[in-house]
Amino acid sequence: MRLSIDIRQTDHAVILEVTGRLSVVEPALRHVAWELIQNGERNFIINLGKVSYLDNSGLGQLCWIYTVLRNRGGDMVLLKPTPRIRTMLEITKLNTVFHSFDAEADATAFARTFRSTLSA
């Protein structure tokens, strides 16, 4: 399944609804995130609940987005990571870096605690 990304705005963060395969042949998440960052967005909630496949390149995209956001005073959380994605996060110890939530309400509530947006 080809990667698709729907974007929704909340008061405190942009929610990226990712569907499909997040892999080396699908770098779209990084490109979409970069466009949003260039437009001043600094806080992301990335919904992985409909991601059917994630490889090391997909993990790399998540790490890149997280690093760019943090360097610009923002933050990122993961929403609904699948059991396979949770296992990958645990194996790579990225579960100690990324905050993950199973409920959108919890992720949105956490987003309210994100640091103040800084200029790029």
N, C-alpha and C. Protein backbone atom coordinates (compact mmCIF):
# COMPACT_ATOMS: atom_id res chain seq x y z
N MET A 1 0.84 -1.18 0.00
CA MET A 1 0.00 0.00 0.00
C MET A 1 0.89 1.24 0.00
N ARG A 2 0.61 2.14 -0.87
CA ARG A 2 1.36 3.38 -1.01
C ARG A 2 1.11 4.27 0.21
N LEU A 3 2.10 5.06 0.57
CA LEU A 3 2.00 5.94 1.74
C LEU A 3 1.09 7.13 1.44
N SER A 4 0.18 7.42 2.38
CA SER A 4 -0.62 8.64 2.28
C SER A 4 -0.57 9.34 3.64
N ILE A 5 -0.66 10.65 3.59
CA ILE A 5 -0.57 11.45 4.81
C ILE A 5 -1.66 12.50 4.79
N ASP A 6 -2.54 12.44 5.79
CA ASP A 6 -3.57 13.47 5.97
C ASP A 6 -3.11 14.37 7.10
N ILE A 7 -3.36 15.66 6.96
CA ILE A 7 -2.89 16.64 7.94
C ILE A 7 -4.09 17.33 8.57
N ARG A 8 -4.09 17.35 9.91
CA ARG A 8 -5.11 18.08 10.67
C ARG A 8 -4.43 19.00 11.65
N GLN A 9 -5.02 20.14 11.89
CA GLN A 9 -4.47 21.10 12.84
C GLN A 9 -5.29 21.10 14.12
N THR A 10 -4.60 21.08 15.28
CA THR A 10 -5.26 21.31 16.56
C THR A 10 -4.71 22.61 17.12
N ASP A 11 -5.17 23.00 18.29
CA ASP A 11 -4.68 24.24 18.89
C ASP A 11 -3.19 24.18 19.22
N HIS A 12 -2.68 22.99 19.52
CA HIS A 12 -1.31 22.88 20.02
C HIS A 12 -0.36 22.08 19.13
N ALA A 13 -0.87 21.44 18.10
CA ALA A 13 -0.01 20.59 17.28
C ALA A 13 -0.67 20.28 15.94
N VAL A 14 0.15 19.85 15.01
CA VAL A 14 -0.33 19.33 13.74
C VAL A 14 -0.39 17.81 13.88
N ILE A 15 -1.49 17.22 13.47
CA ILE A 15 -1.62 15.76 13.50
C ILE A 15 -1.41 15.25 12.08
N LEU A 16 -0.44 14.35 11.93
CA LEU A 16 -0.16 13.72 10.65
C LEU A 16 -0.69 12.29 10.72
N GLU A 17 -1.72 12.02 9.93
CA GLU A 17 -2.33 10.69 9.88
C GLU A 17 -1.64 9.91 8.76
N VAL A 18 -0.77 8.99 9.13
CA VAL A 18 0.04 8.25 8.16
C VAL A 18 -0.61 6.89 7.89
N THR A 19 -0.75 6.56 6.61
CA THR A 19 -1.35 5.29 6.21
C THR A 19 -0.45 4.64 5.16
N GLY A 20 -0.19 3.34 5.32
CA GLY A 20 0.59 2.61 4.33
C GLY A 20 1.97 2.23 4.84
N ARG A 21 2.91 2.16 3.91
CA ARG A 21 4.28 1.72 4.20
C ARG A 21 5.19 2.91 4.39
N LEU A 22 5.87 2.95 5.52
CA LEU A 22 6.83 4.01 5.82
C LEU A 22 8.22 3.39 5.67
N SER A 23 8.81 3.59 4.49
CA SER A 23 10.04 2.86 4.17
C SER A 23 10.96 3.69 3.29
N VAL A 24 12.07 3.08 2.90
CA VAL A 24 13.08 3.73 2.08
C VAL A 24 12.50 4.18 0.73
N VAL A 25 11.53 3.47 0.21
CA VAL A 25 10.95 3.85 -1.08
C VAL A 25 9.81 4.86 -0.93
N GLU A 26 9.47 5.24 0.28
CA GLU A 26 8.40 6.20 0.55
C GLU A 26 8.89 7.31 1.48
N PRO A 27 9.68 8.26 0.98
CA PRO A 27 10.21 9.33 1.84
C PRO A 27 9.24 10.50 2.03
N ALA A 28 7.98 10.32 1.70
CA ALA A 28 7.03 11.43 1.71
C ALA A 28 6.84 12.06 3.08
N LEU A 29 6.91 11.27 4.16
CA LEU A 29 6.69 11.84 5.49
C LEU A 29 7.72 12.92 5.78
N ARG A 30 8.95 12.67 5.47
CA ARG A 30 10.00 13.67 5.70
C ARG A 30 9.73 14.94 4.88
N HIS A 31 9.32 14.77 3.63
CA HIS A 31 9.05 15.93 2.77
C HIS A 31 7.86 16.75 3.28
N VAL A 32 6.81 16.07 3.66
CA VAL A 32 5.62 16.76 4.20
C VAL A 32 5.99 17.49 5.49
N ALA A 33 6.71 16.80 6.35
CA ALA A 33 7.12 17.42 7.62
C ALA A 33 7.98 18.65 7.37
N TRP A 34 8.91 18.57 6.43
CA TRP A 34 9.79 19.70 6.14
C TRP A 34 8.99 20.91 5.65
N GLU A 35 8.00 20.67 4.78
CA GLU A 35 7.15 21.77 4.31
C GLU A 35 6.42 22.43 5.49
N LEU A 36 5.88 21.61 6.39
CA LEU A 36 5.18 22.16 7.55
C LEU A 36 6.14 22.94 8.45
N ILE A 37 7.33 22.41 8.65
CA ILE A 37 8.33 23.09 9.48
C ILE A 37 8.72 24.42 8.85
N GLN A 38 8.92 24.43 7.54
CA GLN A 38 9.27 25.67 6.86
C GLN A 38 8.14 26.71 6.95
N ASN A 39 6.91 26.22 7.11
CA ASN A 39 5.76 27.11 7.27
C ASN A 39 5.52 27.51 8.72
N GLY A 40 6.43 27.13 9.61
CA GLY A 40 6.37 27.57 11.00
C GLY A 40 5.79 26.60 12.00
N GLU A 41 5.36 25.42 11.55
CA GLU A 41 4.83 24.43 12.50
C GLU A 41 5.97 23.84 13.31
N ARG A 42 5.75 23.64 14.60
CA ARG A 42 6.82 23.14 15.47
C ARG A 42 6.42 21.94 16.33
N ASN A 43 5.15 21.60 16.38
CA ASN A 43 4.70 20.52 17.26
C ASN A 43 3.85 19.53 16.45
N PHE A 44 4.30 18.27 16.44
CA PHE A 44 3.64 17.25 15.62
C PHE A 44 3.16 16.09 16.49
N ILE A 45 2.01 15.55 16.12
CA ILE A 45 1.52 14.26 16.60
C ILE A 45 1.46 13.39 15.36
N ILE A 46 2.22 12.30 15.35
CA ILE A 46 2.26 11.43 14.18
C ILE A 46 1.52 10.15 14.49
N ASN A 47 0.37 9.96 13.82
CA ASN A 47 -0.48 8.79 14.02
C ASN A 47 0.04 7.65 13.14
N LEU A 48 0.52 6.59 13.79
CA LEU A 48 1.07 5.43 13.10
C LEU A 48 0.12 4.24 13.10
N GLY A 49 -1.10 4.44 13.53
CA GLY A 49 -2.06 3.35 13.68
C GLY A 49 -2.39 2.60 12.40
N LYS A 50 -2.21 3.26 11.24
CA LYS A 50 -2.52 2.62 9.96
C LYS A 50 -1.27 2.38 9.12
N VAL A 51 -0.12 2.38 9.78
CA VAL A 51 1.13 2.08 9.08
C VAL A 51 1.29 0.56 9.03
N SER A 52 1.32 0.02 7.83
CA SER A 52 1.37 -1.43 7.66
C SER A 52 2.80 -1.97 7.67
N TYR A 53 3.77 -1.11 7.45
CA TYR A 53 5.17 -1.54 7.40
C TYR A 53 6.07 -0.37 7.75
N LEU A 54 7.09 -0.63 8.55
CA LEU A 54 8.06 0.38 8.93
C LEU A 54 9.45 -0.26 8.90
N ASP A 55 10.37 0.33 8.13
CA ASP A 55 11.74 -0.19 8.11
C ASP A 55 12.69 0.83 8.74
N ASN A 56 13.99 0.55 8.67
CA ASN A 56 14.95 1.44 9.31
C ASN A 56 14.94 2.84 8.71
N SER A 57 14.63 2.95 7.44
CA SER A 57 14.52 4.26 6.81
C SER A 57 13.32 5.03 7.36
N GLY A 58 12.23 4.32 7.59
CA GLY A 58 11.06 4.95 8.20
C GLY A 58 11.37 5.43 9.60
N LEU A 59 12.09 4.61 10.37
CA LEU A 59 12.54 5.05 11.70
C LEU A 59 13.44 6.27 11.58
N GLY A 60 14.29 6.27 10.56
CA GLY A 60 15.17 7.40 10.32
C GLY A 60 14.40 8.67 10.03
N GLN A 61 13.30 8.56 9.28
CA GLN A 61 12.47 9.73 9.02
C GLN A 61 11.88 10.28 10.32
N LEU A 62 11.41 9.38 11.18
CA LEU A 62 10.87 9.83 12.47
C LEU A 62 11.94 10.51 13.31
N CYS A 63 13.14 9.94 13.32
CA CYS A 63 14.25 10.54 14.09
C CYS A 63 14.62 11.91 13.52
N TRP A 64 14.65 12.02 12.21
CA TRP A 64 14.98 13.29 11.57
C TRP A 64 13.95 14.37 11.94
N ILE A 65 12.67 14.02 11.84
CA ILE A 65 11.61 14.98 12.17
C ILE A 65 11.73 15.41 13.63
N TYR A 66 11.92 14.45 14.51
CA TYR A 66 12.06 14.74 15.94
C TYR A 66 13.23 15.70 16.18
N THR A 67 14.37 15.40 15.58
CA THR A 67 15.56 16.22 15.79
C THR A 67 15.37 17.64 15.26
N VAL A 68 14.82 17.77 14.06
CA VAL A 68 14.60 19.10 13.47
C VAL A 68 13.63 19.90 14.34
N LEU A 69 12.55 19.26 14.79
CA LEU A 69 11.58 19.97 15.64
C LEU A 69 12.21 20.40 16.96
N ARG A 70 12.93 19.50 17.60
CA ARG A 70 13.56 19.84 18.89
C ARG A 70 14.59 20.96 18.73
N ASN A 71 15.33 20.94 17.64
CA ASN A 71 16.32 21.99 17.39
C ASN A 71 15.66 23.34 17.14
N ARG A 72 14.39 23.34 16.82
CA ARG A 72 13.66 24.58 16.56
C ARG A 72 12.67 24.91 17.68
N GLY A 73 12.82 24.24 18.82
CA GLY A 73 11.98 24.53 19.97
C GLY A 73 10.65 23.81 19.98
N GLY A 74 10.48 22.82 19.13
CA GLY A 74 9.23 22.08 19.07
C GLY A 74 9.35 20.70 19.67
N ASP A 75 8.36 19.85 19.37
CA ASP A 75 8.36 18.49 19.88
C ASP A 75 7.48 17.62 19.00
N MET A 76 7.56 16.31 19.24
CA MET A 76 6.81 15.34 18.46
C MET A 76 6.43 14.17 19.36
N VAL A 77 5.22 13.65 19.18
CA VAL A 77 4.82 12.42 19.86
C VAL A 77 4.24 11.47 18.82
N LEU A 78 4.25 10.20 19.17
CA LEU A 78 3.67 9.17 18.32
C LEU A 78 2.31 8.76 18.86
N LEU A 79 1.39 8.53 17.96
CA LEU A 79 0.04 8.13 18.33
C LEU A 79 -0.25 6.76 17.73
N LYS A 80 -0.78 5.86 18.53
CA LYS A 80 -1.22 4.53 18.13
C LYS A 80 -0.18 3.70 17.38
N PRO A 81 1.06 3.64 17.88
CA PRO A 81 2.00 2.75 17.19
C PRO A 81 1.51 1.31 17.28
N THR A 82 1.63 0.59 16.18
CA THR A 82 1.19 -0.81 16.15
C THR A 82 2.11 -1.65 17.04
N PRO A 83 1.70 -2.86 17.38
CA PRO A 83 2.57 -3.73 18.18
C PRO A 83 3.95 -3.94 17.53
N ARG A 84 3.98 -4.10 16.22
CA ARG A 84 5.27 -4.28 15.52
C ARG A 84 6.13 -3.02 15.65
N ILE A 85 5.53 -1.86 15.50
CA ILE A 85 6.28 -0.61 15.62
C ILE A 85 6.76 -0.42 17.05
N ARG A 86 5.92 -0.75 18.03
CA ARG A 86 6.35 -0.67 19.44
C ARG A 86 7.57 -1.56 19.69
N THR A 87 7.55 -2.76 19.12
CA THR A 87 8.68 -3.67 19.27
C THR A 87 9.94 -3.06 18.66
N MET A 88 9.82 -2.48 17.48
CA MET A 88 10.98 -1.84 16.84
C MET A 88 11.50 -0.69 17.69
N LEU A 89 10.60 0.09 18.27
CA LEU A 89 11.01 1.20 19.13
C LEU A 89 11.74 0.68 20.36
N GLU A 90 11.26 -0.43 20.92
CA GLU A 90 11.92 -1.02 22.09
C GLU A 90 13.30 -1.58 21.73
N ILE A 91 13.41 -2.29 20.62
CA ILE A 91 14.68 -2.88 20.21
C ILE A 91 15.73 -1.79 19.98
N THR A 92 15.31 -0.70 19.37
CA THR A 92 16.24 0.39 19.05
C THR A 92 16.38 1.39 20.20
N LYS A 93 15.65 1.16 21.29
CA LYS A 93 15.63 2.06 22.46
C LYS A 93 15.03 3.43 22.14
N LEU A 94 14.38 3.57 20.98
CA LEU A 94 13.72 4.84 20.66
C LEU A 94 12.48 5.07 21.50
N ASN A 95 12.01 4.02 22.17
CA ASN A 95 10.89 4.19 23.10
C ASN A 95 11.28 5.08 24.27
N THR A 96 12.59 5.26 24.49
CA THR A 96 13.05 6.16 25.56
C THR A 96 13.18 7.60 25.05
N VAL A 97 13.05 7.78 23.75
CA VAL A 97 13.15 9.11 23.14
C VAL A 97 11.77 9.65 22.81
N PHE A 98 10.96 8.85 22.14
CA PHE A 98 9.64 9.28 21.68
C PHE A 98 8.58 8.99 22.74
N HIS A 99 7.72 9.96 22.99
CA HIS A 99 6.53 9.70 23.79
C HIS A 99 5.49 9.09 22.86
N SER A 100 4.81 8.04 23.34
CA SER A 100 3.79 7.36 22.54
C SER A 100 2.49 7.29 23.32
N PHE A 101 1.38 7.43 22.60
CA PHE A 101 0.06 7.38 23.20
C PHE A 101 -0.86 6.51 22.36
N ASP A 102 -1.80 5.84 23.03
CA ASP A 102 -2.78 5.02 22.33
C ASP A 102 -4.05 5.79 22.01
N ALA A 103 -4.30 6.88 22.71
CA ALA A 103 -5.52 7.67 22.52
C ALA A 103 -5.16 9.08 22.05
N GLU A 104 -5.88 9.54 21.05
CA GLU A 104 -5.62 10.89 20.53
C GLU A 104 -5.82 11.95 21.60
N ALA A 105 -6.80 11.77 22.46
CA ALA A 105 -7.05 12.74 23.53
C ALA A 105 -5.84 12.87 24.45
N ASP A 106 -5.17 11.75 24.74
CA ASP A 106 -3.98 11.78 25.58
C ASP A 106 -2.82 12.48 24.87
N ALA A 107 -2.64 12.19 23.58
CA ALA A 107 -1.57 12.83 22.81
C ALA A 107 -1.81 14.33 22.70
N THR A 108 -3.06 14.71 22.47
CA THR A 108 -3.40 16.13 22.36
C THR A 108 -3.20 16.84 23.70
N ALA A 109 -3.57 16.18 24.79
CA ALA A 109 -3.36 16.77 26.12
C ALA A 109 -1.88 16.95 26.38
N PHE A 110 -1.07 15.97 25.99
CA PHE A 110 0.38 16.09 26.16
C PHE A 110 0.93 17.22 25.30
N ALA A 111 0.36 17.39 24.11
CA ALA A 111 0.83 18.46 23.21
C ALA A 111 0.66 19.84 23.85
N ARG A 112 -0.29 19.97 24.73
CA ARG A 112 -0.48 21.26 25.41
C ARG A 112 0.72 21.61 26.28
N THR A 113 1.53 20.60 26.64
CA THR A 113 2.69 20.84 27.48
C THR A 113 3.95 21.12 26.67
N PHE A 114 3.86 21.03 25.34
CA PHE A 114 5.02 21.29 24.50
C PHE A 114 5.57 22.67 24.81
N ARG A 115 6.86 22.80 24.64
CA ARG A 115 7.50 24.09 24.86
C ARG A 115 6.92 25.14 23.93
N SER A 116 7.07 26.37 24.30
CA SER A 116 6.60 27.48 23.47
C SER A 116 7.30 27.44 22.12
N THR A 117 6.55 27.82 21.10
CA THR A 117 7.12 27.85 19.76
C THR A 117 8.14 28.97 19.66
N LEU A 118 9.31 28.61 19.11
CA LEU A 118 10.37 29.58 18.87
C LEU A 118 10.44 29.89 17.39
N SER A 119 10.98 31.02 17.04
CA SER A 119 11.13 31.31 15.61
C SER A 119 12.27 30.48 15.04
N ALA A 120 12.10 30.13 13.78
CA ALA A 120 13.08 29.26 13.10
C ALA A 120 14.37 29.99 12.85
